[in-house]
Amino acid sequence: MDIIPQAIPNILVIEPQSYIDERGYFMETFRHDKLEDALGFNVNFVQDNESKSSKGVLRGLHFQLAPHAQSKLVRVIEGSVLDVAVDIRRGSPSFGQHVAIKLSDVN
């Protein structure tokens, strides 16, 4: 599993390694200790969601304020998406910046 930091702190691309043979494949999609090491703080995911979007669908920008703030772990299982993260944390050194990452079933 490779963890690739992005331009905005705490936004990471996690690229799993696949082990493929005649039976199919196996991959580790999440590893708590590696993610905590990369971020430098405790990670506690408490919810797992899945959605399917038709081609051309635009899903809206979402954010939560404390005490309901959430981290997001996004995985594409088929096709690709353009995932955009915008830093709207006032006082953040990267306030107003964004990263756009093409996520797919191969990364």
N, C-alpha and C. Protein backbone atom coordinates (compact mmCIF):
# COMPACT_ATOMS: atom_id res chain seq x y z
N MET A 1 0.85 -1.17 0.00
CA MET A 1 0.00 0.00 0.00
C MET A 1 0.90 1.23 0.00
N ASP A 2 0.70 2.11 -0.97
CA ASP A 2 1.44 3.37 -1.03
C ASP A 2 0.53 4.49 -0.59
N ILE A 3 1.05 5.38 0.25
CA ILE A 3 0.29 6.53 0.73
C ILE A 3 0.98 7.78 0.19
N ILE A 4 0.25 8.55 -0.62
CA ILE A 4 0.82 9.68 -1.34
C ILE A 4 0.20 10.98 -0.84
N PRO A 5 0.99 11.82 -0.12
CA PRO A 5 0.47 13.11 0.35
C PRO A 5 0.14 14.03 -0.82
N GLN A 6 -0.84 14.90 -0.63
CA GLN A 6 -1.24 15.87 -1.64
C GLN A 6 -0.87 17.28 -1.17
N ALA A 7 -1.18 18.29 -1.97
CA ALA A 7 -0.77 19.67 -1.68
C ALA A 7 -1.41 20.23 -0.41
N ILE A 8 -2.59 19.75 -0.05
CA ILE A 8 -3.26 20.19 1.18
C ILE A 8 -2.97 19.17 2.27
N PRO A 9 -2.50 19.61 3.44
CA PRO A 9 -2.20 18.67 4.52
C PRO A 9 -3.39 17.76 4.85
N ASN A 10 -3.07 16.51 5.14
CA ASN A 10 -4.03 15.47 5.55
C ASN A 10 -4.91 14.97 4.42
N ILE A 11 -4.64 15.36 3.19
CA ILE A 11 -5.29 14.75 2.04
C ILE A 11 -4.28 13.80 1.42
N LEU A 12 -4.65 12.53 1.38
CA LEU A 12 -3.74 11.48 0.93
C LEU A 12 -4.41 10.63 -0.14
N VAL A 13 -3.61 10.14 -1.08
CA VAL A 13 -4.08 9.12 -2.00
C VAL A 13 -3.47 7.81 -1.52
N ILE A 14 -4.32 6.83 -1.28
CA ILE A 14 -3.87 5.52 -0.83
C ILE A 14 -4.00 4.56 -2.00
N GLU A 15 -2.87 4.07 -2.49
CA GLU A 15 -2.88 3.15 -3.62
C GLU A 15 -2.60 1.74 -3.11
N PRO A 16 -3.59 0.87 -3.16
CA PRO A 16 -3.38 -0.50 -2.68
C PRO A 16 -2.54 -1.32 -3.67
N GLN A 17 -1.90 -2.34 -3.15
CA GLN A 17 -1.19 -3.30 -4.00
C GLN A 17 -2.10 -4.51 -4.19
N SER A 18 -2.26 -4.93 -5.43
CA SER A 18 -3.08 -6.10 -5.73
C SER A 18 -2.18 -7.31 -5.95
N TYR A 19 -2.63 -8.44 -5.43
CA TYR A 19 -1.96 -9.72 -5.64
C TYR A 19 -2.90 -10.56 -6.50
N ILE A 20 -2.49 -10.77 -7.75
CA ILE A 20 -3.36 -11.39 -8.75
C ILE A 20 -2.81 -12.76 -9.14
N ASP A 21 -3.69 -13.74 -9.22
CA ASP A 21 -3.35 -15.05 -9.75
C ASP A 21 -4.57 -15.63 -10.45
N GLU A 22 -4.50 -16.90 -10.82
CA GLU A 22 -5.58 -17.52 -11.59
C GLU A 22 -6.91 -17.57 -10.83
N ARG A 23 -6.88 -17.44 -9.51
CA ARG A 23 -8.11 -17.48 -8.72
C ARG A 23 -8.82 -16.14 -8.67
N GLY A 24 -8.09 -15.05 -8.95
CA GLY A 24 -8.65 -13.71 -8.83
C GLY A 24 -7.61 -12.77 -8.26
N TYR A 25 -8.01 -11.93 -7.30
CA TYR A 25 -7.05 -11.01 -6.70
C TYR A 25 -7.36 -10.80 -5.23
N PHE A 26 -6.38 -10.27 -4.54
CA PHE A 26 -6.51 -9.89 -3.13
C PHE A 26 -5.80 -8.57 -2.96
N MET A 27 -6.41 -7.66 -2.18
CA MET A 27 -5.72 -6.42 -1.85
C MET A 27 -6.19 -5.91 -0.50
N GLU A 28 -5.27 -5.26 0.17
CA GLU A 28 -5.56 -4.62 1.45
C GLU A 28 -6.02 -3.20 1.12
N THR A 29 -7.27 -2.87 1.42
CA THR A 29 -7.81 -1.55 1.05
C THR A 29 -7.68 -0.52 2.16
N PHE A 30 -7.45 -0.96 3.38
CA PHE A 30 -7.31 -0.03 4.50
C PHE A 30 -6.40 -0.67 5.54
N ARG A 31 -5.47 0.10 6.05
CA ARG A 31 -4.60 -0.39 7.12
C ARG A 31 -4.41 0.73 8.13
N HIS A 32 -5.00 0.55 9.28
CA HIS A 32 -5.06 1.56 10.34
C HIS A 32 -3.69 2.10 10.70
N ASP A 33 -2.73 1.24 10.99
CA ASP A 33 -1.42 1.70 11.46
C ASP A 33 -0.68 2.51 10.40
N LYS A 34 -0.74 2.11 9.13
CA LYS A 34 -0.06 2.87 8.08
C LYS A 34 -0.69 4.25 7.89
N LEU A 35 -2.00 4.32 7.95
CA LEU A 35 -2.68 5.60 7.80
C LEU A 35 -2.34 6.53 8.96
N GLU A 36 -2.35 6.02 10.17
CA GLU A 36 -1.99 6.85 11.33
C GLU A 36 -0.54 7.32 11.23
N ASP A 37 0.36 6.45 10.79
CA ASP A 37 1.76 6.86 10.63
C ASP A 37 1.88 7.99 9.61
N ALA A 38 1.15 7.89 8.50
CA ALA A 38 1.22 8.92 7.45
C ALA A 38 0.63 10.24 7.91
N LEU A 39 -0.46 10.18 8.69
CA LEU A 39 -1.12 11.40 9.14
C LEU A 39 -0.48 11.99 10.39
N GLY A 40 0.03 11.13 11.26
CA GLY A 40 0.62 11.60 12.50
C GLY A 40 -0.38 11.82 13.61
N PHE A 41 -1.59 11.30 13.46
CA PHE A 41 -2.59 11.39 14.54
C PHE A 41 -3.53 10.20 14.46
N ASN A 42 -4.31 10.01 15.53
CA ASN A 42 -5.22 8.87 15.64
C ASN A 42 -6.33 8.94 14.59
N VAL A 43 -6.61 7.81 13.97
CA VAL A 43 -7.68 7.69 12.98
C VAL A 43 -8.74 6.76 13.55
N ASN A 44 -10.00 7.19 13.47
CA ASN A 44 -11.09 6.37 14.00
C ASN A 44 -12.28 6.46 13.05
N PHE A 45 -12.24 5.67 11.96
CA PHE A 45 -13.37 5.66 11.04
C PHE A 45 -14.54 4.94 11.67
N VAL A 46 -15.71 5.55 11.64
CA VAL A 46 -16.88 4.99 12.31
C VAL A 46 -18.04 4.71 11.36
N GLN A 47 -17.87 5.03 10.09
CA GLN A 47 -18.97 4.84 9.15
C GLN A 47 -18.39 4.49 7.79
N ASP A 48 -19.05 3.60 7.07
CA ASP A 48 -18.62 3.18 5.74
C ASP A 48 -19.82 3.29 4.81
N ASN A 49 -19.71 4.10 3.75
CA ASN A 49 -20.80 4.31 2.81
C ASN A 49 -20.38 3.86 1.42
N GLU A 50 -21.35 3.51 0.60
CA GLU A 50 -21.09 3.20 -0.80
C GLU A 50 -22.19 3.82 -1.64
N SER A 51 -21.79 4.39 -2.79
CA SER A 51 -22.80 4.91 -3.71
C SER A 51 -22.39 4.55 -5.13
N LYS A 52 -23.35 4.54 -6.01
CA LYS A 52 -23.09 4.30 -7.43
C LYS A 52 -23.64 5.49 -8.19
N SER A 53 -22.82 6.02 -9.09
CA SER A 53 -23.24 7.17 -9.90
C SER A 53 -23.23 6.79 -11.37
N SER A 54 -24.23 7.24 -12.08
CA SER A 54 -24.26 7.06 -13.53
C SER A 54 -23.28 8.02 -14.17
N LYS A 55 -22.86 7.72 -15.39
CA LYS A 55 -21.92 8.56 -16.12
C LYS A 55 -22.47 9.99 -16.21
N GLY A 56 -21.60 10.97 -15.94
CA GLY A 56 -21.97 12.37 -16.04
C GLY A 56 -22.58 12.97 -14.78
N VAL A 57 -22.78 12.18 -13.75
CA VAL A 57 -23.38 12.67 -12.51
C VAL A 57 -22.37 13.53 -11.75
N LEU A 58 -22.83 14.66 -11.23
CA LEU A 58 -22.02 15.52 -10.38
C LEU A 58 -22.57 15.44 -8.97
N ARG A 59 -21.74 15.01 -8.06
CA ARG A 59 -22.15 14.97 -6.65
C ARG A 59 -21.63 16.23 -5.99
N GLY A 60 -22.40 16.79 -5.07
CA GLY A 60 -22.10 18.08 -4.48
C GLY A 60 -20.97 18.07 -3.48
N LEU A 61 -20.51 19.28 -3.18
CA LEU A 61 -19.48 19.49 -2.18
C LEU A 61 -20.10 19.33 -0.80
N HIS A 62 -19.45 18.55 0.04
CA HIS A 62 -19.96 18.29 1.39
C HIS A 62 -18.92 18.70 2.42
N PHE A 63 -19.38 19.19 3.55
CA PHE A 63 -18.48 19.46 4.66
C PHE A 63 -19.27 19.38 5.95
N GLN A 64 -18.54 19.17 7.03
CA GLN A 64 -19.17 19.11 8.34
C GLN A 64 -18.37 19.98 9.29
N LEU A 65 -19.08 20.62 10.20
CA LEU A 65 -18.43 21.41 11.25
C LEU A 65 -18.47 20.62 12.55
N ALA A 66 -17.51 20.88 13.42
CA ALA A 66 -17.50 20.25 14.74
C ALA A 66 -18.82 20.59 15.44
N PRO A 67 -19.39 19.69 16.16
CA PRO A 67 -18.88 18.39 16.58
C PRO A 67 -19.23 17.26 15.61
N HIS A 68 -19.64 17.56 14.40
CA HIS A 68 -20.05 16.52 13.45
C HIS A 68 -19.06 16.34 12.31
N ALA A 69 -17.84 16.84 12.47
CA ALA A 69 -16.83 16.73 11.42
C ALA A 69 -16.48 15.27 11.17
N GLN A 70 -16.19 14.95 9.90
CA GLN A 70 -15.85 13.58 9.51
C GLN A 70 -14.67 13.59 8.57
N SER A 71 -13.88 12.55 8.66
CA SER A 71 -12.88 12.28 7.63
C SER A 71 -13.55 11.43 6.56
N LYS A 72 -13.02 11.49 5.36
CA LYS A 72 -13.60 10.72 4.25
C LYS A 72 -12.54 9.76 3.72
N LEU A 73 -12.96 8.55 3.46
CA LEU A 73 -12.13 7.56 2.79
C LEU A 73 -12.91 7.16 1.55
N VAL A 74 -12.42 7.55 0.37
CA VAL A 74 -13.14 7.35 -0.89
C VAL A 74 -12.43 6.26 -1.69
N ARG A 75 -13.21 5.31 -2.21
CA ARG A 75 -12.64 4.24 -3.04
C ARG A 75 -13.53 4.04 -4.25
N VAL A 76 -12.92 3.98 -5.42
CA VAL A 76 -13.64 3.74 -6.67
C VAL A 76 -13.45 2.28 -7.04
N ILE A 77 -14.54 1.55 -7.22
CA ILE A 77 -14.43 0.13 -7.53
C ILE A 77 -14.61 -0.18 -9.02
N GLU A 78 -15.14 0.78 -9.77
CA GLU A 78 -15.29 0.60 -11.21
C GLU A 78 -15.32 1.97 -11.88
N GLY A 79 -14.58 2.11 -12.97
CA GLY A 79 -14.56 3.39 -13.68
C GLY A 79 -13.65 4.39 -13.02
N SER A 80 -14.01 5.68 -13.12
CA SER A 80 -13.18 6.73 -12.53
C SER A 80 -14.04 7.92 -12.14
N VAL A 81 -13.50 8.72 -11.23
CA VAL A 81 -14.15 9.95 -10.79
C VAL A 81 -13.09 11.03 -10.65
N LEU A 82 -13.50 12.28 -10.77
CA LEU A 82 -12.64 13.40 -10.43
C LEU A 82 -13.07 13.85 -9.04
N ASP A 83 -12.22 13.62 -8.06
CA ASP A 83 -12.53 13.97 -6.67
C ASP A 83 -11.81 15.27 -6.35
N VAL A 84 -12.54 16.26 -5.85
CA VAL A 84 -11.97 17.57 -5.54
C VAL A 84 -12.14 17.85 -4.06
N ALA A 85 -11.05 18.26 -3.42
CA ALA A 85 -11.08 18.66 -2.01
C ALA A 85 -10.67 20.12 -1.93
N VAL A 86 -11.44 20.91 -1.18
CA VAL A 86 -11.19 22.34 -1.02
C VAL A 86 -10.95 22.61 0.46
N ASP A 87 -9.89 23.35 0.77
CA ASP A 87 -9.61 23.70 2.16
C ASP A 87 -10.40 24.96 2.52
N ILE A 88 -11.43 24.80 3.35
CA ILE A 88 -12.24 25.94 3.79
C ILE A 88 -12.05 26.23 5.27
N ARG A 89 -10.93 25.73 5.82
CA ARG A 89 -10.63 25.96 7.24
C ARG A 89 -10.01 27.34 7.40
N ARG A 90 -10.76 28.27 7.97
CA ARG A 90 -10.23 29.62 8.18
C ARG A 90 -8.98 29.55 9.04
N GLY A 91 -7.97 30.29 8.66
CA GLY A 91 -6.71 30.29 9.39
C GLY A 91 -5.74 29.22 8.93
N SER A 92 -6.18 28.32 8.06
CA SER A 92 -5.30 27.27 7.54
C SER A 92 -4.32 27.89 6.54
N PRO A 93 -3.06 27.47 6.55
CA PRO A 93 -2.11 27.99 5.56
C PRO A 93 -2.52 27.69 4.12
N SER A 94 -3.35 26.67 3.93
CA SER A 94 -3.78 26.33 2.57
C SER A 94 -5.25 26.71 2.33
N PHE A 95 -5.77 27.65 3.14
CA PHE A 95 -7.17 28.10 2.99
C PHE A 95 -7.41 28.55 1.55
N GLY A 96 -8.51 28.07 0.97
CA GLY A 96 -8.89 28.45 -0.39
C GLY A 96 -8.26 27.61 -1.48
N GLN A 97 -7.28 26.80 -1.14
CA GLN A 97 -6.65 25.94 -2.13
C GLN A 97 -7.48 24.68 -2.34
N HIS A 98 -7.25 24.04 -3.48
CA HIS A 98 -7.95 22.78 -3.75
C HIS A 98 -7.00 21.79 -4.41
N VAL A 99 -7.35 20.54 -4.32
CA VAL A 99 -6.67 19.49 -5.08
C VAL A 99 -7.75 18.73 -5.84
N ALA A 100 -7.45 18.40 -7.08
CA ALA A 100 -8.35 17.60 -7.91
C ALA A 100 -7.59 16.34 -8.29
N ILE A 101 -8.16 15.20 -7.96
CA ILE A 101 -7.48 13.93 -8.15
C ILE A 101 -8.39 12.99 -8.92
N LYS A 102 -7.87 12.42 -10.01
CA LYS A 102 -8.64 11.40 -10.73
C LYS A 102 -8.44 10.08 -10.01
N LEU A 103 -9.51 9.56 -9.44
CA LEU A 103 -9.49 8.27 -8.76
C LEU A 103 -10.13 7.23 -9.66
N SER A 104 -9.58 6.03 -9.65
CA SER A 104 -10.13 4.99 -10.51
C SER A 104 -10.01 3.63 -9.85
N ASP A 105 -10.48 2.63 -10.56
CA ASP A 105 -10.40 1.27 -10.04
C ASP A 105 -8.99 0.69 -10.10
N VAL A 106 -8.04 1.44 -10.63
CA VAL A 106 -6.65 0.97 -10.65
C VAL A 106 -5.74 1.75 -9.70
N ASN A 107 -6.25 2.80 -9.07
CA ASN A 107 -5.44 3.50 -8.07
C ASN A 107 -6.25 3.64 -6.80
